[in-house]
Amino acid sequence: MKTLKVDVVNAEKTVFSGDAKFVALPGVEGELGVLPGHVPFITQIKPGFVRVTLPESDEVRRIFVAGGGLCGGPDRIR
């Protein structure tokens, strides 16, 4: 199964770091869903929850973000 490496950080620490099979984010222009193999992109995110679907259990982790920036590619999101 293909996965994405996901890093969610704030100014002080890493909030989440791990693999995911799907990530949903609150983009400034609407909800953004990212699967492994996504084209590279840079965008802003607004306050809300990042939802990370873990590959081994289908568990969905919800991580609150206060906004910021996102850089993504085929195998990594930061």
PDB file of N, CA and C in Angstrom:
ATOM      1  N   MET A   1       0.840  -1.175   0.000  1.00  0.00           N
ATOM      2  CA  MET A   1       0.000   0.000   0.000  1.00  0.00           C
ATOM      3  C   MET A   1       0.888   1.243   0.000  1.00  0.00           C
ATOM      4  N   LYS A   2       0.598   2.175  -0.894  1.00  0.00           N
ATOM      5  CA  LYS A   2       1.324   3.430  -0.927  1.00  0.00           C
ATOM      6  C   LYS A   2       0.861   4.314   0.218  1.00  0.00           C
ATOM      7  N   THR A   3       1.823   5.069   0.767  1.00  0.00           N
ATOM      8  CA  THR A   3       1.502   5.984   1.857  1.00  0.00           C
ATOM      9  C   THR A   3       2.200   7.317   1.646  1.00  0.00           C
ATOM     10  N   LEU A   4       1.767   8.304   2.414  1.00  0.00           N
ATOM     11  CA  LEU A   4       2.380   9.620   2.474  1.00  0.00           C
ATOM     12  C   LEU A   4       3.083   9.773   3.810  1.00  0.00           C
ATOM     13  N   LYS A   5       4.222  10.429   3.832  1.00  0.00           N
ATOM     14  CA  LYS A   5       4.854  10.827   5.087  1.00  0.00           C
ATOM     15  C   LYS A   5       4.239  12.175   5.453  1.00  0.00           C
ATOM     16  N   VAL A   6       3.689  12.294   6.657  1.00  0.00           N
ATOM     17  CA  VAL A   6       2.992  13.502   7.088  1.00  0.00           C
ATOM     18  C   VAL A   6       3.683  14.088   8.299  1.00  0.00           C
ATOM     19  N   ASP A   7       3.974  15.389   8.233  1.00  0.00           N
ATOM     20  CA  ASP A   7       4.526  16.120   9.371  1.00  0.00           C
ATOM     21  C   ASP A   7       3.641  17.328   9.636  1.00  0.00           C
ATOM     22  N   VAL A   8       3.054  17.388  10.836  1.00  0.00           N
ATOM     23  CA  VAL A   8       2.273  18.544  11.263  1.00  0.00           C
ATOM     24  C   VAL A   8       3.074  19.195  12.383  1.00  0.00           C
ATOM     25  N   VAL A   9       3.477  20.439  12.160  1.00  0.00           N
ATOM     26  CA  VAL A   9       4.320  21.136  13.133  1.00  0.00           C
ATOM     27  C   VAL A   9       3.721  22.494  13.473  1.00  0.00           C
ATOM     28  N   ASN A  10       4.070  22.970  14.663  1.00  0.00           N
ATOM     29  CA  ASN A  10       3.748  24.351  15.010  1.00  0.00           C
ATOM     30  C   ASN A  10       5.069  25.055  15.305  1.00  0.00           C
ATOM     31  N   ALA A  11       5.023  26.256  15.814  1.00  0.00           N
ATOM     32  CA  ALA A  11       6.242  27.027  16.039  1.00  0.00           C
ATOM     33  C   ALA A  11       7.153  26.399  17.097  1.00  0.00           C
ATOM     34  N   GLU A  12       6.615  25.539  17.933  1.00  0.00           N
ATOM     35  CA  GLU A  12       7.385  25.000  19.049  1.00  0.00           C
ATOM     36  C   GLU A  12       7.785  23.542  18.910  1.00  0.00           C
ATOM     37  N   LYS A  13       6.970  22.730  18.208  1.00  0.00           N
ATOM     38  CA  LYS A  13       7.243  21.289  18.202  1.00  0.00           C
ATOM     39  C   LYS A  13       6.535  20.584  17.049  1.00  0.00           C
ATOM     40  N   THR A  14       6.870  19.331  16.880  1.00  0.00           N
ATOM     41  CA  THR A  14       6.163  18.467  15.948  1.00  0.00           C
ATOM     42  C   THR A  14       4.930  17.919  16.644  1.00  0.00           C
ATOM     43  N   VAL A  15       3.765  18.135  16.061  1.00  0.00           N
ATOM     44  CA  VAL A  15       2.501  17.688  16.638  1.00  0.00           C
ATOM     45  C   VAL A  15       2.181  16.259  16.192  1.00  0.00           C
ATOM     46  N   PHE A  16       2.494  15.942  14.930  1.00  0.00           N
ATOM     47  CA  PHE A  16       2.285  14.594  14.404  1.00  0.00           C
ATOM     48  C   PHE A  16       3.334  14.343  13.335  1.00  0.00           C
ATOM     49  N   SER A  17       3.881  13.144  13.340  1.00  0.00           N
ATOM     50  CA  SER A  17       4.796  12.716  12.294  1.00  0.00           C
ATOM     51  C   SER A  17       4.555  11.230  12.070  1.00  0.00           C
ATOM     52  N   GLY A  18       4.205  10.859  10.856  1.00  0.00           N
ATOM     53  CA  GLY A  18       3.942   9.460  10.574  1.00  0.00           C
ATOM     54  C   GLY A  18       3.432   9.256   9.164  1.00  0.00           C
ATOM     55  N   ASP A  19       3.036   8.030   8.876  1.00  0.00           N
ATOM     56  CA  ASP A  19       2.529   7.673   7.554  1.00  0.00           C
ATOM     57  C   ASP A  19       1.005   7.774   7.520  1.00  0.00           C
ATOM     58  N   ALA A  20       0.491   8.051   6.338  1.00  0.00           N
ATOM     59  CA  ALA A  20      -0.959   8.135   6.140  1.00  0.00           C
ATOM     60  C   ALA A  20      -1.307   7.612   4.753  1.00  0.00           C
ATOM     61  N   LYS A  21      -2.532   7.106   4.636  1.00  0.00           N
ATOM     62  CA  LYS A  21      -2.987   6.726   3.297  1.00  0.00           C
ATOM     63  C   LYS A  21      -3.903   7.783   2.697  1.00  0.00           C
ATOM     64  N   PHE A  22      -4.377   8.732   3.540  1.00  0.00           N
ATOM     65  CA  PHE A  22      -5.191   9.850   3.072  1.00  0.00           C
ATOM     66  C   PHE A  22      -5.120  10.965   4.101  1.00  0.00           C
ATOM     67  N   VAL A  23      -5.094  12.213   3.605  1.00  0.00           N
ATOM     68  CA  VAL A  23      -5.090  13.381   4.482  1.00  0.00           C
ATOM     69  C   VAL A  23      -6.113  14.373   3.949  1.00  0.00           C
ATOM     70  N   ALA A  24      -6.949  14.914   4.832  1.00  0.00           N
ATOM     71  CA  ALA A  24      -7.912  15.954   4.479  1.00  0.00           C
ATOM     72  C   ALA A  24      -7.561  17.201   5.284  1.00  0.00           C
ATOM     73  N   LEU A  25      -7.564  18.357   4.604  1.00  0.00           N
ATOM     74  CA  LEU A  25      -7.122  19.609   5.220  1.00  0.00           C
ATOM     75  C   LEU A  25      -8.103  20.738   4.952  1.00  0.00           C
ATOM     76  N   PRO A  26      -8.168  21.716   5.874  1.00  0.00           N
ATOM     77  CA  PRO A  26      -9.040  22.870   5.654  1.00  0.00           C
ATOM     78  C   PRO A  26      -8.314  23.953   4.852  1.00  0.00           C
ATOM     79  N   GLY A  27      -8.348  23.884   3.537  1.00  0.00           N
ATOM     80  CA  GLY A  27      -7.708  24.893   2.693  1.00  0.00           C
ATOM     81  C   GLY A  27      -8.475  26.202   2.713  1.00  0.00           C
ATOM     82  N   VAL A  28      -7.800  27.297   2.389  1.00  0.00           N
ATOM     83  CA  VAL A  28      -8.468  28.597   2.395  1.00  0.00           C
ATOM     84  C   VAL A  28      -9.539  28.692   1.308  1.00  0.00           C
ATOM     85  N   GLU A  29      -9.433  27.870   0.278  1.00  0.00           N
ATOM     86  CA  GLU A  29     -10.442  27.877  -0.782  1.00  0.00           C
ATOM     87  C   GLU A  29     -11.351  26.654  -0.742  1.00  0.00           C
ATOM     88  N   GLY A  30     -11.289  25.908   0.362  1.00  0.00           N
ATOM     89  CA  GLY A  30     -12.140  24.736   0.525  1.00  0.00           C
ATOM     90  C   GLY A  30     -11.353  23.537   1.010  1.00  0.00           C
ATOM     91  N   GLU A  31     -12.059  22.468   1.284  1.00  0.00           N
ATOM     92  CA  GLU A  31     -11.454  21.221   1.769  1.00  0.00           C
ATOM     93  C   GLU A  31     -10.506  20.650   0.716  1.00  0.00           C
ATOM     94  N   LEU A  32      -9.366  20.157   1.175  1.00  0.00           N
ATOM     95  CA  LEU A  32      -8.363  19.586   0.289  1.00  0.00           C
ATOM     96  C   LEU A  32      -8.087  18.156   0.721  1.00  0.00           C
ATOM     97  N   GLY A  33      -8.204  17.219  -0.190  1.00  0.00           N
ATOM     98  CA  GLY A  33      -7.892  15.821   0.090  1.00  0.00           C
ATOM     99  C   GLY A  33      -6.640  15.412  -0.662  1.00  0.00           C
ATOM    100  N   VAL A  34      -5.742  14.700   0.015  1.00  0.00           N
ATOM    101  CA  VAL A  34      -4.468  14.322  -0.587  1.00  0.00           C
ATOM    102  C   VAL A  34      -4.254  12.819  -0.438  1.00  0.00           C
ATOM    103  N   LEU A  35      -3.982  12.167  -1.557  1.00  0.00           N
ATOM    104  CA  LEU A  35      -3.640  10.743  -1.597  1.00  0.00           C
ATOM    105  C   LEU A  35      -2.176  10.600  -2.015  1.00  0.00           C
ATOM    106  N   PRO A  36      -1.553   9.456  -1.740  1.00  0.00           N
ATOM    107  CA  PRO A  36      -0.196   9.228  -2.240  1.00  0.00           C
ATOM    108  C   PRO A  36      -0.154   9.400  -3.759  1.00  0.00           C
ATOM    109  N   GLY A  37       0.911  10.024  -4.253  1.00  0.00           N
ATOM    110  CA  GLY A  37       1.061  10.260  -5.678  1.00  0.00           C
ATOM    111  C   GLY A  37       0.510  11.596  -6.146  1.00  0.00           C
ATOM    112  N   HIS A  38       0.010  12.424  -5.221  1.00  0.00           N
ATOM    113  CA  HIS A  38      -0.551  13.730  -5.569  1.00  0.00           C
ATOM    114  C   HIS A  38       0.521  14.603  -6.225  1.00  0.00           C
ATOM    115  N   VAL A  39       0.116  15.464  -7.144  1.00  0.00           N
ATOM    116  CA  VAL A  39       1.058  16.389  -7.773  1.00  0.00           C
ATOM    117  C   VAL A  39       1.596  17.363  -6.724  1.00  0.00           C
ATOM    118  N   PRO A  40       2.815  17.866  -6.879  1.00  0.00           N
ATOM    119  CA  PRO A  40       3.360  18.830  -5.921  1.00  0.00           C
ATOM    120  C   PRO A  40       2.511  20.104  -5.854  1.00  0.00           C
ATOM    121  N   PHE A  41       2.399  20.666  -4.644  1.00  0.00           N
ATOM    122  CA  PHE A  41       1.607  21.882  -4.472  1.00  0.00           C
ATOM    123  C   PHE A  41       2.046  22.621  -3.214  1.00  0.00           C
ATOM    124  N   ILE A  42       1.717  23.903  -3.175  1.00  0.00           N
ATOM    125  CA  ILE A  42       1.896  24.747  -1.990  1.00  0.00           C
ATOM    126  C   ILE A  42       0.601  25.518  -1.831  1.00  0.00           C
ATOM    127  N   THR A  43       0.078  25.582  -0.596  1.00  0.00           N
ATOM    128  CA  THR A  43      -1.173  26.298  -0.371  1.00  0.00           C
ATOM    129  C   THR A  43      -1.240  26.772   1.077  1.00  0.00           C
ATOM    130  N   GLN A  44      -2.194  27.633   1.342  1.00  0.00           N
ATOM    131  CA  GLN A  44      -2.461  28.076   2.705  1.00  0.00           C
ATOM    132  C   GLN A  44      -3.594  27.242   3.277  1.00  0.00           C
ATOM    133  N   ILE A  45      -3.527  27.030   4.588  1.00  0.00           N
ATOM    134  CA  ILE A  45      -4.630  26.350   5.256  1.00  0.00           C
ATOM    135  C   ILE A  45      -5.215  27.277   6.313  1.00  0.00           C
ATOM    136  N   LYS A  46      -6.499  27.115   6.547  1.00  0.00           N
ATOM    137  CA  LYS A  46      -7.184  27.947   7.532  1.00  0.00           C
ATOM    138  C   LYS A  46      -7.357  27.147   8.822  1.00  0.00           C
ATOM    139  N   PRO A  47      -7.744  27.800   9.901  1.00  0.00           N
ATOM    140  CA  PRO A  47      -7.966  27.073  11.143  1.00  0.00           C
ATOM    141  C   PRO A  47      -9.007  25.968  10.974  1.00  0.00           C
ATOM    142  N   GLY A  48      -8.729  24.835  11.580  1.00  0.00           N
ATOM    143  CA  GLY A  48      -9.634  23.693  11.495  1.00  0.00           C
ATOM    144  C   GLY A  48      -8.889  22.408  11.791  1.00  0.00           C
ATOM    145  N   PHE A  49      -9.484  21.296  11.437  1.00  0.00           N
ATOM    146  CA  PHE A  49      -8.896  19.988  11.725  1.00  0.00           C
ATOM    147  C   PHE A  49      -8.272  19.364  10.481  1.00  0.00           C
ATOM    148  N   VAL A  50      -7.047  18.873  10.652  1.00  0.00           N
ATOM    149  CA  VAL A  50      -6.407  18.020   9.664  1.00  0.00           C
ATOM    150  C   VAL A  50      -6.798  16.601  10.041  1.00  0.00           C
ATOM    151  N   ARG A  51      -7.298  15.841   9.067  1.00  0.00           N
ATOM    152  CA  ARG A  51      -7.689  14.459   9.333  1.00  0.00           C
ATOM    153  C   ARG A  51      -6.713  13.529   8.610  1.00  0.00           C
ATOM    154  N   VAL A  52      -6.016  12.730   9.390  1.00  0.00           N
ATOM    155  CA  VAL A  52      -4.999  11.822   8.867  1.00  0.00           C
ATOM    156  C   VAL A  52      -5.502  10.391   9.022  1.00  0.00           C
ATOM    157  N   THR A  53      -5.676   9.682   7.905  1.00  0.00           N
ATOM    158  CA  THR A  53      -6.099   8.287   7.940  1.00  0.00           C
ATOM    159  C   THR A  53      -4.866   7.404   7.960  1.00  0.00           C
ATOM    160  N   LEU A  54      -4.697   6.675   9.060  1.00  0.00           N
ATOM    161  CA  LEU A  54      -3.524   5.823   9.231  1.00  0.00           C
ATOM    162  C   LEU A  54      -3.654   4.561   8.384  1.00  0.00           C
ATOM    163  N   PRO A  55      -2.543   4.105   7.810  1.00  0.00           N
ATOM    164  CA  PRO A  55      -2.623   2.983   6.863  1.00  0.00           C
ATOM    165  C   PRO A  55      -2.913   1.628   7.486  1.00  0.00           C
ATOM    166  N   GLU A  56      -2.424   1.356   8.674  1.00  0.00           N
ATOM    167  CA  GLU A  56      -2.529   0.002   9.222  1.00  0.00           C
ATOM    168  C   GLU A  56      -3.867  -0.303   9.882  1.00  0.00           C
ATOM    169  N   SER A  57      -4.603   0.739  10.290  1.00  0.00           N
ATOM    170  CA  SER A  57      -5.827   0.473  11.044  1.00  0.00           C
ATOM    171  C   SER A  57      -7.060   1.224  10.538  1.00  0.00           C
ATOM    172  N   ASP A  58      -6.898   2.081   9.556  1.00  0.00           N
ATOM    173  CA  ASP A  58      -7.973   2.958   9.079  1.00  0.00           C
ATOM    174  C   ASP A  58      -8.429   3.948  10.153  1.00  0.00           C
ATOM    175  N   GLU A  59      -7.682   4.044  11.245  1.00  0.00           N
ATOM    176  CA  GLU A  59      -7.975   5.044  12.276  1.00  0.00           C
ATOM    177  C   GLU A  59      -7.769   6.431  11.687  1.00  0.00           C
ATOM    178  N   VAL A  60      -8.647   7.375  12.050  1.00  0.00           N
ATOM    179  CA  VAL A  60      -8.515   8.751  11.594  1.00  0.00           C
ATOM    180  C   VAL A  60      -8.105   9.612  12.777  1.00  0.00           C
ATOM    181  N   ARG A  61      -6.939  10.236  12.667  1.00  0.00           N
ATOM    182  CA  ARG A  61      -6.470  11.169  13.691  1.00  0.00           C
ATOM    183  C   ARG A  61      -6.903  12.569  13.299  1.00  0.00           C
ATOM    184  N   ARG A  62      -7.476  13.289  14.240  1.00  0.00           N
ATOM    185  CA  ARG A  62      -7.885  14.673  14.016  1.00  0.00           C
ATOM    186  C   ARG A  62      -6.929  15.577  14.766  1.00  0.00           C
ATOM    187  N   ILE A  63      -6.307  16.495  14.038  1.00  0.00           N
ATOM    188  CA  ILE A  63      -5.306  17.393  14.619  1.00  0.00           C
ATOM    189  C   ILE A  63      -5.744  18.821  14.316  1.00  0.00           C
ATOM    190  N   PHE A  64      -5.956  19.617  15.369  1.00  0.00           N
ATOM    191  CA  PHE A  64      -6.368  21.000  15.151  1.00  0.00           C
ATOM    192  C   PHE A  64      -5.164  21.832  14.729  1.00  0.00           C
ATOM    193  N   VAL A  65      -5.358  22.663  13.694  1.00  0.00           N
ATOM    194  CA  VAL A  65      -4.343  23.622  13.270  1.00  0.00           C
ATOM    195  C   VAL A  65      -4.965  25.011  13.277  1.00  0.00           C
ATOM    196  N   ALA A  66      -4.153  26.000  13.606  1.00  0.00           N
ATOM    197  CA  ALA A  66      -4.631  27.376  13.671  1.00  0.00           C
ATOM    198  C   ALA A  66      -4.452  28.100  12.345  1.00  0.00           C
ATOM    199  N   GLY A  67      -4.052  27.385  11.307  1.00  0.00           N
ATOM    200  CA  GLY A  67      -3.786  27.972  10.007  1.00  0.00           C
ATOM    201  C   GLY A  67      -2.317  27.780   9.671  1.00  0.00           C
ATOM    202  N   GLY A  68      -1.901  28.330   8.547  1.00  0.00           N
ATOM    203  CA  GLY A  68      -0.504  28.234   8.162  1.00  0.00           C
ATOM    204  C   GLY A  68      -0.337  27.859   6.706  1.00  0.00           C
ATOM    205  N   GLY A  69       0.781  27.228   6.419  1.00  0.00           N
ATOM    206  CA  GLY A  69       1.093  26.854   5.055  1.00  0.00           C
ATOM    207  C   GLY A  69       1.272  25.346   4.926  1.00  0.00           C
ATOM    208  N   LEU A  70       1.155  24.870   3.706  1.00  0.00           N
ATOM    209  CA  LEU A  70       1.268  23.451   3.428  1.00  0.00           C
ATOM    210  C   LEU A  70       2.063  23.257   2.150  1.00  0.00           C
ATOM    211  N   CYS A  71       3.022  22.367   2.221  1.00  0.00           N
ATOM    212  CA  CYS A  71       3.812  21.993   1.056  1.00  0.00           C
ATOM    213  C   CYS A  71       3.638  20.487   0.874  1.00  0.00           C
ATOM    214  N   GLY A  72       3.186  20.090  -0.308  1.00  0.00           N
ATOM    215  CA  GLY A  72       2.921  18.677  -0.536  1.00  0.00           C
ATOM    216  C   GLY A  72       3.525  18.189  -1.827  1.00  0.00           C
ATOM    217  N   GLY A  73       3.726  16.891  -1.881  1.00  0.00           N
ATOM    218  CA  GLY A  73       4.256  16.250  -3.067  1.00  0.00           C
ATOM    219  C   GLY A  73       3.746  14.839  -3.148  1.00  0.00           C
ATOM    220  N   PRO A  74       4.301  14.029  -4.049  1.00  0.00           N
ATOM    221  CA  PRO A  74       3.801  12.665  -4.259  1.00  0.00           C
ATOM    222  C   PRO A  74       3.908  11.748  -3.055  1.00  0.00           C
ATOM    223  N   ASP A  75       4.894  12.002  -2.168  1.00  0.00           N
ATOM    224  CA  ASP A  75       5.087  11.081  -1.055  1.00  0.00           C
ATOM    225  C   ASP A  75       5.252  11.772   0.300  1.00  0.00           C
ATOM    226  N   ARG A  76       5.020  13.094   0.367  1.00  0.00           N
ATOM    227  CA  ARG A  76       5.237  13.816   1.629  1.00  0.00           C
ATOM    228  C   ARG A  76       4.360  15.066   1.712  1.00  0.00           C
ATOM    229  N   ILE A  77       3.889  15.343   2.937  1.00  0.00           N
ATOM    230  CA  ILE A  77       3.146  16.582   3.241  1.00  0.00           C
ATOM    231  C   ILE A  77       3.772  17.197   4.476  1.00  0.00           C
ATOM    232  N   ARG A  78       4.000  18.500   4.396  1.00  0.00           N
ATOM    233  CA  ARG A  78       4.546  19.230   5.566  1.00  0.00           C
ATOM    234  C   ARG A  78       3.740  20.480   5.794  1.00  0.00           C
TER     235      ARG A  78
END
